[in-house]
Amino acid sequence: MSYNQDEKVTVDSQQRSNTQQSSNIKRPEAYGFWKTVVIVLCGHLGVRTTEQRKTDFARANGVHVFAVAVLYFLLINIALIILVNVISG
């Protein structure tokens, strides 16, 4: 098997063009804070399809998801505390 310099140049140029094409691929626009709130609420209720969940993971900002989840957790706990105090008298 012989090695040809022209083959190496062709392979290198193909790899370079593939790298450039992958960098030119536009990422989907990231979700904003309020869209993330909807995603977290729908996720809690379990009404998101698998495709929607995959899209959410690709587009949602992790910091927004964390912030919304913490706020949601606090609101649920405060609501439960108020509910127990109202019921108990």
PDB file of N, CA and C in Angstrom:
ATOM      1  N   MET A   1       0.852  -1.175   0.000  1.00  0.00           N
ATOM      2  CA  MET A   1       0.000   0.000   0.000  1.00  0.00           C
ATOM      3  C   MET A   1       0.892   1.231   0.000  1.00  0.00           C
ATOM      4  N   SER A   2       0.690   2.081  -0.938  1.00  0.00           N
ATOM      5  CA  SER A   2       1.523   3.278  -1.044  1.00  0.00           C
ATOM      6  C   SER A   2       0.770   4.478  -0.473  1.00  0.00           C
ATOM      7  N   TYR A   3       1.551   5.393   0.027  1.00  0.00           N
ATOM      8  CA  TYR A   3       0.986   6.609   0.610  1.00  0.00           C
ATOM      9  C   TYR A   3       1.129   7.739  -0.392  1.00  0.00           C
ATOM     10  N   ASN A   4       0.020   8.425  -0.640  1.00  0.00           N
ATOM     11  CA  ASN A   4       0.036   9.503  -1.620  1.00  0.00           C
ATOM     12  C   ASN A   4      -0.210  10.822  -0.905  1.00  0.00           C
ATOM     13  N   GLN A   5       0.648  11.795  -1.116  1.00  0.00           N
ATOM     14  CA  GLN A   5       0.525  13.104  -0.467  1.00  0.00           C
ATOM     15  C   GLN A   5      -0.781  13.797  -0.867  1.00  0.00           C
ATOM     16  N   ASP A   6      -1.241  13.585  -2.100  1.00  0.00           N
ATOM     17  CA  ASP A   6      -2.475  14.212  -2.569  1.00  0.00           C
ATOM     18  C   ASP A   6      -3.683  13.709  -1.785  1.00  0.00           C
ATOM     19  N   GLU A   7      -3.673  12.434  -1.407  1.00  0.00           N
ATOM     20  CA  GLU A   7      -4.776  11.887  -0.621  1.00  0.00           C
ATOM     21  C   GLU A   7      -4.836  12.547   0.742  1.00  0.00           C
ATOM     22  N   LYS A   8      -3.657  12.777   1.344  1.00  0.00           N
ATOM     23  CA  LYS A   8      -3.609  13.417   2.664  1.00  0.00           C
ATOM     24  C   LYS A   8      -4.156  14.842   2.591  1.00  0.00           C
ATOM     25  N   VAL A   9      -3.795  15.571   1.542  1.00  0.00           N
ATOM     26  CA  VAL A   9      -4.277  16.944   1.371  1.00  0.00           C
ATOM     27  C   VAL A   9      -5.794  16.947   1.211  1.00  0.00           C
ATOM     28  N   THR A  10      -6.327  16.002   0.455  1.00  0.00           N
ATOM     29  CA  THR A  10      -7.769  15.922   0.250  1.00  0.00           C
ATOM     30  C   THR A  10      -8.482  15.629   1.562  1.00  0.00           C
ATOM     31  N   VAL A  11      -7.959  14.692   2.348  1.00  0.00           N
ATOM     32  CA  VAL A  11      -8.573  14.349   3.632  1.00  0.00           C
ATOM     33  C   VAL A  11      -8.511  15.536   4.580  1.00  0.00           C
ATOM     34  N   ASP A  12      -7.348  16.223   4.634  1.00  0.00           N
ATOM     35  CA  ASP A  12      -7.209  17.389   5.506  1.00  0.00           C
ATOM     36  C   ASP A  12      -8.181  18.496   5.122  1.00  0.00           C
ATOM     37  N   SER A  13      -8.344  18.738   3.831  1.00  0.00           N
ATOM     38  CA  SER A  13      -9.253  19.799   3.401  1.00  0.00           C
ATOM     39  C   SER A  13     -10.700  19.423   3.693  1.00  0.00           C
ATOM     40  N   GLN A  14     -11.047  18.130   3.597  1.00  0.00           N
ATOM     41  CA  GLN A  14     -12.407  17.695   3.928  1.00  0.00           C
ATOM     42  C   GLN A  14     -12.676  17.881   5.413  1.00  0.00           C
ATOM     43  N   GLN A  15     -11.696  17.542   6.255  1.00  0.00           N
ATOM     44  CA  GLN A  15     -11.873  17.709   7.693  1.00  0.00           C
ATOM     45  C   GLN A  15     -12.024  19.181   8.041  1.00  0.00           C
ATOM     46  N   ARG A  16     -11.230  20.040   7.395  1.00  0.00           N
ATOM     47  CA  ARG A  16     -11.329  21.465   7.652  1.00  0.00           C
ATOM     48  C   ARG A  16     -12.689  22.005   7.237  1.00  0.00           C
ATOM     49  N   SER A  17     -13.203  21.566   6.081  1.00  0.00           N
ATOM     50  CA  SER A  17     -14.498  22.055   5.621  1.00  0.00           C
ATOM     51  C   SER A  17     -15.616  21.527   6.519  1.00  0.00           C
ATOM     52  N   ASN A  18     -15.496  20.301   7.029  1.00  0.00           N
ATOM     53  CA  ASN A  18     -16.495  19.773   7.962  1.00  0.00           C
ATOM     54  C   ASN A  18     -16.494  20.569   9.254  1.00  0.00           C
ATOM     55  N   THR A  19     -15.308  20.946   9.735  1.00  0.00           N
ATOM     56  CA  THR A  19     -15.206  21.743  10.953  1.00  0.00           C
ATOM     57  C   THR A  19     -15.837  23.117  10.745  1.00  0.00           C
ATOM     58  N   GLN A  20     -15.588  23.721   9.589  1.00  0.00           N
ATOM     59  CA  GLN A  20     -16.170  25.027   9.304  1.00  0.00           C
ATOM     60  C   GLN A  20     -17.679  24.931   9.184  1.00  0.00           C
ATOM     61  N   GLN A  21     -18.180  23.870   8.568  1.00  0.00           N
ATOM     62  CA  GLN A  21     -19.622  23.706   8.428  1.00  0.00           C
ATOM     63  C   GLN A  21     -20.276  23.513   9.783  1.00  0.00           C
ATOM     64  N   SER A  22     -19.642  22.736  10.670  1.00  0.00           N
ATOM     65  CA  SER A  22     -20.231  22.516  11.984  1.00  0.00           C
ATOM     66  C   SER A  22     -20.226  23.795  12.808  1.00  0.00           C
ATOM     67  N   SER A  23     -19.243  24.668  12.610  1.00  0.00           N
ATOM     68  CA  SER A  23     -19.231  25.930  13.337  1.00  0.00           C
ATOM     69  C   SER A  23     -20.241  26.917  12.749  1.00  0.00           C
ATOM     70  N   ASN A  24     -20.607  26.735  11.484  1.00  0.00           N
ATOM     71  CA  ASN A  24     -21.588  27.607  10.845  1.00  0.00           C
ATOM     72  C   ASN A  24     -23.012  27.189  11.144  1.00  0.00           C
ATOM     73  N   ILE A  25     -23.201  25.996  11.690  1.00  0.00           N
ATOM     74  CA  ILE A  25     -24.546  25.535  12.025  1.00  0.00           C
ATOM     75  C   ILE A  25     -25.080  26.404  13.153  1.00  0.00           C
ATOM     76  N   LYS A  26     -26.253  26.926  12.936  1.00  0.00           N
ATOM     77  CA  LYS A  26     -26.839  27.848  13.899  1.00  0.00           C
ATOM     78  C   LYS A  26     -27.522  27.069  15.018  1.00  0.00           C
ATOM     79  N   ARG A  27     -27.142  27.383  16.243  1.00  0.00           N
ATOM     80  CA  ARG A  27     -27.793  26.767  17.393  1.00  0.00           C
ATOM     81  C   ARG A  27     -29.185  27.368  17.555  1.00  0.00           C
ATOM     82  N   PRO A  28     -30.133  26.578  18.053  1.00  0.00           N
ATOM     83  CA  PRO A  28     -31.462  27.143  18.267  1.00  0.00           C
ATOM     84  C   PRO A  28     -31.420  28.252  19.309  1.00  0.00           C
ATOM     85  N   GLU A  29     -32.307  29.196  19.158  1.00  0.00           N
ATOM     86  CA  GLU A  29     -32.349  30.327  20.078  1.00  0.00           C
ATOM     87  C   GLU A  29     -32.695  29.840  21.482  1.00  0.00           C
ATOM     88  N   ALA A  30     -31.992  30.355  22.473  1.00  0.00           N
ATOM     89  CA  ALA A  30     -32.202  29.946  23.858  1.00  0.00           C
ATOM     90  C   ALA A  30     -33.535  30.484  24.377  1.00  0.00           C
ATOM     91  N   TYR A  31     -34.149  29.711  25.251  1.00  0.00           N
ATOM     92  CA  TYR A  31     -35.396  30.138  25.874  1.00  0.00           C
ATOM     93  C   TYR A  31     -35.121  31.261  26.859  1.00  0.00           C
ATOM     94  N   GLY A  32     -36.102  32.127  27.013  1.00  0.00           N
ATOM     95  CA  GLY A  32     -36.028  33.181  28.005  1.00  0.00           C
ATOM     96  C   GLY A  32     -36.508  32.677  29.359  1.00  0.00           C
ATOM     97  N   PHE A  33     -36.518  33.577  30.319  1.00  0.00           N
ATOM     98  CA  PHE A  33     -36.877  33.196  31.689  1.00  0.00           C
ATOM     99  C   PHE A  33     -38.322  32.718  31.781  1.00  0.00           C
ATOM    100  N   TRP A  34     -39.251  33.422  31.149  1.00  0.00           N
ATOM    101  CA  TRP A  34     -40.665  33.064  31.286  1.00  0.00           C
ATOM    102  C   TRP A  34     -40.997  31.759  30.566  1.00  0.00           C
ATOM    103  N   LYS A  35     -40.351  31.493  29.461  1.00  0.00           N
ATOM    104  CA  LYS A  35     -40.538  30.208  28.792  1.00  0.00           C
ATOM    105  C   LYS A  35     -40.013  29.079  29.681  1.00  0.00           C
ATOM    106  N   THR A  36     -38.938  29.362  30.411  1.00  0.00           N
ATOM    107  CA  THR A  36     -38.388  28.378  31.336  1.00  0.00           C
ATOM    108  C   THR A  36     -39.359  28.109  32.478  1.00  0.00           C
ATOM    109  N   VAL A  37     -40.062  29.150  32.937  1.00  0.00           N
ATOM    110  CA  VAL A  37     -41.081  28.955  33.977  1.00  0.00           C
ATOM    111  C   VAL A  37     -42.154  27.985  33.474  1.00  0.00           C
ATOM    112  N   VAL A  38     -42.603  28.175  32.249  1.00  0.00           N
ATOM    113  CA  VAL A  38     -43.613  27.286  31.671  1.00  0.00           C
ATOM    114  C   VAL A  38     -43.072  25.858  31.571  1.00  0.00           C
ATOM    115  N   ILE A  39     -41.828  25.713  31.176  1.00  0.00           N
ATOM    116  CA  ILE A  39     -41.219  24.388  31.051  1.00  0.00           C
ATOM    117  C   ILE A  39     -41.188  23.683  32.402  1.00  0.00           C
ATOM    118  N   VAL A  40     -40.784  24.390  33.452  1.00  0.00           N
ATOM    119  CA  VAL A  40     -40.703  23.784  34.787  1.00  0.00           C
ATOM    120  C   VAL A  40     -42.090  23.403  35.285  1.00  0.00           C
ATOM    121  N   LEU A  41     -43.068  24.276  35.090  1.00  0.00           N
ATOM    122  CA  LEU A  41     -44.426  23.967  35.543  1.00  0.00           C
ATOM    123  C   LEU A  41     -45.013  22.778  34.784  1.00  0.00           C
ATOM    124  N   CYS A  42     -44.816  22.744  33.475  1.00  0.00           N
ATOM    125  CA  CYS A  42     -45.311  21.616  32.685  1.00  0.00           C
ATOM    126  C   CYS A  42     -44.567  20.336  33.043  1.00  0.00           C
ATOM    127  N   GLY A  43     -43.279  20.454  33.344  1.00  0.00           N
ATOM    128  CA  GLY A  43     -42.508  19.291  33.767  1.00  0.00           C
ATOM    129  C   GLY A  43     -42.995  18.744  35.097  1.00  0.00           C
ATOM    130  N   HIS A  44     -43.391  19.627  35.990  1.00  0.00           N
ATOM    131  CA  HIS A  44     -43.927  19.186  37.285  1.00  0.00           C
ATOM    132  C   HIS A  44     -45.246  18.442  37.100  1.00  0.00           C
ATOM    133  N   LEU A  45     -46.056  18.922  36.190  1.00  0.00           N
ATOM    134  CA  LEU A  45     -47.335  18.266  35.933  1.00  0.00           C
ATOM    135  C   LEU A  45     -47.182  17.020  35.069  1.00  0.00           C
ATOM    136  N   GLY A  46     -46.065  16.906  34.376  1.00  0.00           N
ATOM    137  CA  GLY A  46     -45.809  15.732  33.542  1.00  0.00           C
ATOM    138  C   GLY A  46     -46.523  15.759  32.207  1.00  0.00           C
ATOM    139  N   VAL A  47     -46.715  16.930  31.639  1.00  0.00           N
ATOM    140  CA  VAL A  47     -47.452  17.035  30.379  1.00  0.00           C
ATOM    141  C   VAL A  47     -46.548  17.293  29.177  1.00  0.00           C
ATOM    142  N   ARG A  48     -45.231  17.211  29.342  1.00  0.00           N
ATOM    143  CA  ARG A  48     -44.300  17.417  28.230  1.00  0.00           C
ATOM    144  C   ARG A  48     -44.039  16.083  27.532  1.00  0.00           C
ATOM    145  N   THR A  49     -44.049  16.102  26.201  1.00  0.00           N
ATOM    146  CA  THR A  49     -43.725  14.897  25.447  1.00  0.00           C
ATOM    147  C   THR A  49     -42.207  14.710  25.432  1.00  0.00           C
ATOM    148  N   THR A  50     -41.766  13.552  25.004  1.00  0.00           N
ATOM    149  CA  THR A  50     -40.338  13.271  24.946  1.00  0.00           C
ATOM    150  C   THR A  50     -39.630  14.220  23.998  1.00  0.00           C
ATOM    151  N   GLU A  51     -40.227  14.499  22.855  1.00  0.00           N
ATOM    152  CA  GLU A  51     -39.627  15.428  21.898  1.00  0.00           C
ATOM    153  C   GLU A  51     -39.515  16.832  22.479  1.00  0.00           C
ATOM    154  N   GLN A  52     -40.557  17.280  23.160  1.00  0.00           N
ATOM    155  CA  GLN A  52     -40.524  18.610  23.768  1.00  0.00           C
ATOM    156  C   GLN A  52     -39.445  18.667  24.850  1.00  0.00           C
ATOM    157  N   ARG A  53     -39.304  17.606  25.613  1.00  0.00           N
ATOM    158  CA  ARG A  53     -38.302  17.566  26.671  1.00  0.00           C
ATOM    159  C   ARG A  53     -36.894  17.632  26.070  1.00  0.00           C
ATOM    160  N   LYS A  54     -36.654  16.927  24.973  1.00  0.00           N
ATOM    161  CA  LYS A  54     -35.346  16.976  24.313  1.00  0.00           C
ATOM    162  C   LYS A  54     -35.056  18.382  23.802  1.00  0.00           C
ATOM    163  N   THR A  55     -36.052  19.019  23.223  1.00  0.00           N
ATOM    164  CA  THR A  55     -35.886  20.388  22.742  1.00  0.00           C
ATOM    165  C   THR A  55     -35.607  21.330  23.912  1.00  0.00           C
ATOM    166  N   ASP A  56     -36.317  21.117  25.014  1.00  0.00           N
ATOM    167  CA  ASP A  56     -36.112  21.958  26.197  1.00  0.00           C
ATOM    168  C   ASP A  56     -34.688  21.844  26.711  1.00  0.00           C
ATOM    169  N   PHE A  57     -34.149  20.630  26.782  1.00  0.00           N
ATOM    170  CA  PHE A  57     -32.784  20.447  27.266  1.00  0.00           C
ATOM    171  C   PHE A  57     -31.778  21.110  26.342  1.00  0.00           C
ATOM    172  N   ALA A  58     -32.070  21.129  25.056  1.00  0.00           N
ATOM    173  CA  ALA A  58     -31.146  21.740  24.106  1.00  0.00           C
ATOM    174  C   ALA A  58     -31.192  23.259  24.157  1.00  0.00           C
ATOM    175  N   ARG A  59     -32.341  23.823  24.478  1.00  0.00           N
ATOM    176  CA  ARG A  59     -32.506  25.277  24.361  1.00  0.00           C
ATOM    177  C   ARG A  59     -32.566  26.019  25.692  1.00  0.00           C
ATOM    178  N   ALA A  60     -32.923  25.348  26.772  1.00  0.00           N
ATOM    179  CA  ALA A  60     -33.106  26.044  28.048  1.00  0.00           C
ATOM    180  C   ALA A  60     -31.765  26.407  28.669  1.00  0.00           C
ATOM    181  N   ASN A  61     -31.742  27.549  29.322  1.00  0.00           N
ATOM    182  CA  ASN A  61     -30.559  28.007  30.045  1.00  0.00           C
ATOM    183  C   ASN A  61     -30.558  27.335  31.415  1.00  0.00           C
ATOM    184  N   GLY A  62     -29.475  26.659  31.750  1.00  0.00           N
ATOM    185  CA  GLY A  62     -29.391  25.915  33.006  1.00  0.00           C
ATOM    186  C   GLY A  62     -29.554  26.787  34.236  1.00  0.00           C
ATOM    187  N   VAL A  63     -29.038  28.010  34.181  1.00  0.00           N
ATOM    188  CA  VAL A  63     -29.166  28.930  35.317  1.00  0.00           C
ATOM    189  C   VAL A  63     -30.628  29.309  35.515  1.00  0.00           C
ATOM    190  N   HIS A  64     -31.343  29.559  34.419  1.00  0.00           N
ATOM    191  CA  HIS A  64     -32.765  29.891  34.526  1.00  0.00           C
ATOM    192  C   HIS A  64     -33.555  28.716  35.089  1.00  0.00           C
ATOM    193  N   VAL A  65     -33.256  27.507  34.627  1.00  0.00           N
ATOM    194  CA  VAL A  65     -33.966  26.328  35.117  1.00  0.00           C
ATOM    195  C   VAL A  65     -33.736  26.164  36.616  1.00  0.00           C
ATOM    196  N   PHE A  66     -32.494  26.324  37.051  1.00  0.00           N
ATOM    197  CA  PHE A  66     -32.183  26.205  38.476  1.00  0.00           C
ATOM    198  C   PHE A  66     -32.916  27.270  39.291  1.00  0.00           C
ATOM    199  N   ALA A  67     -32.886  28.509  38.825  1.00  0.00           N
ATOM    200  CA  ALA A  67     -33.538  29.603  39.554  1.00  0.00           C
ATOM    201  C   ALA A  67     -35.043  29.385  39.636  1.00  0.00           C
ATOM    202  N   VAL A  68     -35.654  28.995  38.540  1.00  0.00           N
ATOM    203  CA  VAL A  68     -37.104  28.755  38.540  1.00  0.00           C
ATOM    204  C   VAL A  68     -37.449  27.571  39.447  1.00  0.00           C
ATOM    205  N   ALA A  69     -36.648  26.531  39.414  1.00  0.00           N
ATOM    206  CA  ALA A  69     -36.912  25.365  40.253  1.00  0.00           C
ATOM    207  C   ALA A  69     -36.830  25.720  41.742  1.00  0.00           C
ATOM    208  N   VAL A  70     -35.842  26.513  42.113  1.00  0.00           N
ATOM    209  CA  VAL A  70     -35.708  26.927  43.516  1.00  0.00           C
ATOM    210  C   VAL A  70     -36.894  27.801  43.924  1.00  0.00           C
ATOM    211  N   LEU A  71     -37.265  28.760  43.082  1.00  0.00           N
ATOM    212  CA  LEU A  71     -38.415  29.610  43.394  1.00  0.00           C
ATOM    213  C   LEU A  71     -39.705  28.803  43.493  1.00  0.00           C
ATOM    214  N   TYR A  72     -39.870  27.871  42.583  1.00  0.00           N
ATOM    215  CA  TYR A  72     -41.061  27.023  42.592  1.00  0.00           C
ATOM    216  C   TYR A  72     -41.106  26.183  43.863  1.00  0.00           C
ATOM    217  N   PHE A  73     -39.978  25.618  44.256  1.00  0.00           N
ATOM    218  CA  PHE A  73     -39.895  24.831  45.484  1.00  0.00           C
ATOM    219  C   PHE A  73     -40.277  25.676  46.698  1.00  0.00           C
ATOM    220  N   LEU A  74     -39.750  26.896  46.760  1.00  0.00           N
ATOM    221  CA  LEU A  74     -40.072  27.777  47.882  1.00  0.00           C
ATOM    222  C   LEU A  74     -41.550  28.156  47.899  1.00  0.00           C
ATOM    223  N   LEU A  75     -42.115  28.454  46.731  1.00  0.00           N
ATOM    224  CA  LEU A  75     -43.534  28.815  46.679  1.00  0.00           C
ATOM    225  C   LEU A  75     -44.437  27.656  47.103  1.00  0.00           C
ATOM    226  N   ILE A  76     -44.110  26.457  46.672  1.00  0.00           N
ATOM    227  CA  ILE A  76     -44.908  25.291  47.068  1.00  0.00           C
ATOM    228  C   ILE A  76     -44.827  25.080  48.576  1.00  0.00           C
ATOM    229  N   ASN A  77     -43.632  25.189  49.151  1.00  0.00           N
ATOM    230  CA  ASN A  77     -43.490  25.008  50.606  1.00  0.00           C
ATOM    231  C   ASN A  77     -44.218  26.090  51.389  1.00  0.00           C
ATOM    232  N   ILE A  78     -44.128  27.329  50.953  1.00  0.00           N
ATOM    233  CA  ILE A  78     -44.842  28.420  51.634  1.00  0.00           C
ATOM    234  C   ILE A  78     -46.346  28.207  51.541  1.00  0.00           C
ATOM    235  N   ALA A  79     -46.817  27.795  50.365  1.00  0.00           N
ATOM    236  CA  ALA A  79     -48.248  27.536  50.199  1.00  0.00           C
ATOM    237  C   ALA A  79     -48.707  26.402  51.102  1.00  0.00           C
ATOM    238  N   LEU A  80     -47.920  25.369  51.250  1.00  0.00           N
ATOM    239  CA  LEU A  80     -48.297  24.255  52.141  1.00  0.00           C
ATOM    240  C   LEU A  80     -48.302  24.682  53.601  1.00  0.00           C
ATOM    241  N   ILE A  81     -47.353  25.503  53.999  1.00  0.00           N
ATOM    242  CA  ILE A  81     -47.316  26.000  55.377  1.00  0.00           C
ATOM    243  C   ILE A  81     -48.559  26.848  55.655  1.00  0.00           C
ATOM    244  N   ILE A  82     -48.896  27.725  54.734  1.00  0.00           N
ATOM    245  CA  ILE A  82     -50.097  28.564  54.902  1.00  0.00           C
ATOM    246  C   ILE A  82     -51.345  27.697  54.951  1.00  0.00           C
ATOM    247  N   LEU A  83     -51.434  26.706  54.067  1.00  0.00           N
ATOM    248  CA  LEU A  83     -52.591  25.812  54.050  1.00  0.00           C
ATOM    249  C   LEU A  83     -52.742  25.064  55.377  1.00  0.00           C
ATOM    250  N   VAL A  84     -51.658  24.544  55.924  1.00  0.00           N
ATOM    251  CA  VAL A  84     -51.718  23.824  57.196  1.00  0.00           C
ATOM    252  C   VAL A  84     -52.135  24.772  58.315  1.00  0.00           C
ATOM    253  N   ASN A  85     -51.622  26.009  58.329  1.00  0.00           N
ATOM    254  CA  ASN A  85     -51.999  26.969  59.367  1.00  0.00           C
ATOM    255  C   ASN A  85     -53.463  27.355  59.271  1.00  0.00           C
ATOM    256  N   VAL A  86     -53.996  27.485  58.067  1.00  0.00           N
ATOM    257  CA  VAL A  86     -55.404  27.825  57.881  1.00  0.00           C
ATOM    258  C   VAL A  86     -56.291  26.670  58.335  1.00  0.00           C
ATOM    259  N   ILE A  87     -55.933  25.467  57.974  1.00  0.00           N
ATOM    260  CA  ILE A  87     -56.740  24.304  58.338  1.00  0.00           C
ATOM    261  C   ILE A  87     -56.698  24.050  59.842  1.00  0.00           C
ATOM    262  N   SER A  88     -55.532  24.188  60.449  1.00  0.00           N
ATOM    263  CA  SER A  88     -55.398  23.877  61.882  1.00  0.00           C
ATOM    264  C   SER A  88     -55.992  24.963  62.771  1.00  0.00           C
ATOM    265  N   GLY A  89     -56.306  26.054  62.210  1.00  0.00           N
ATOM    266  CA  GLY A  89     -57.070  26.972  62.980  1.00  0.00           C
ATOM    267  C   GLY A  89     -56.487  28.220  63.373  1.00  0.00           C
TER     268      GLY A  89
END
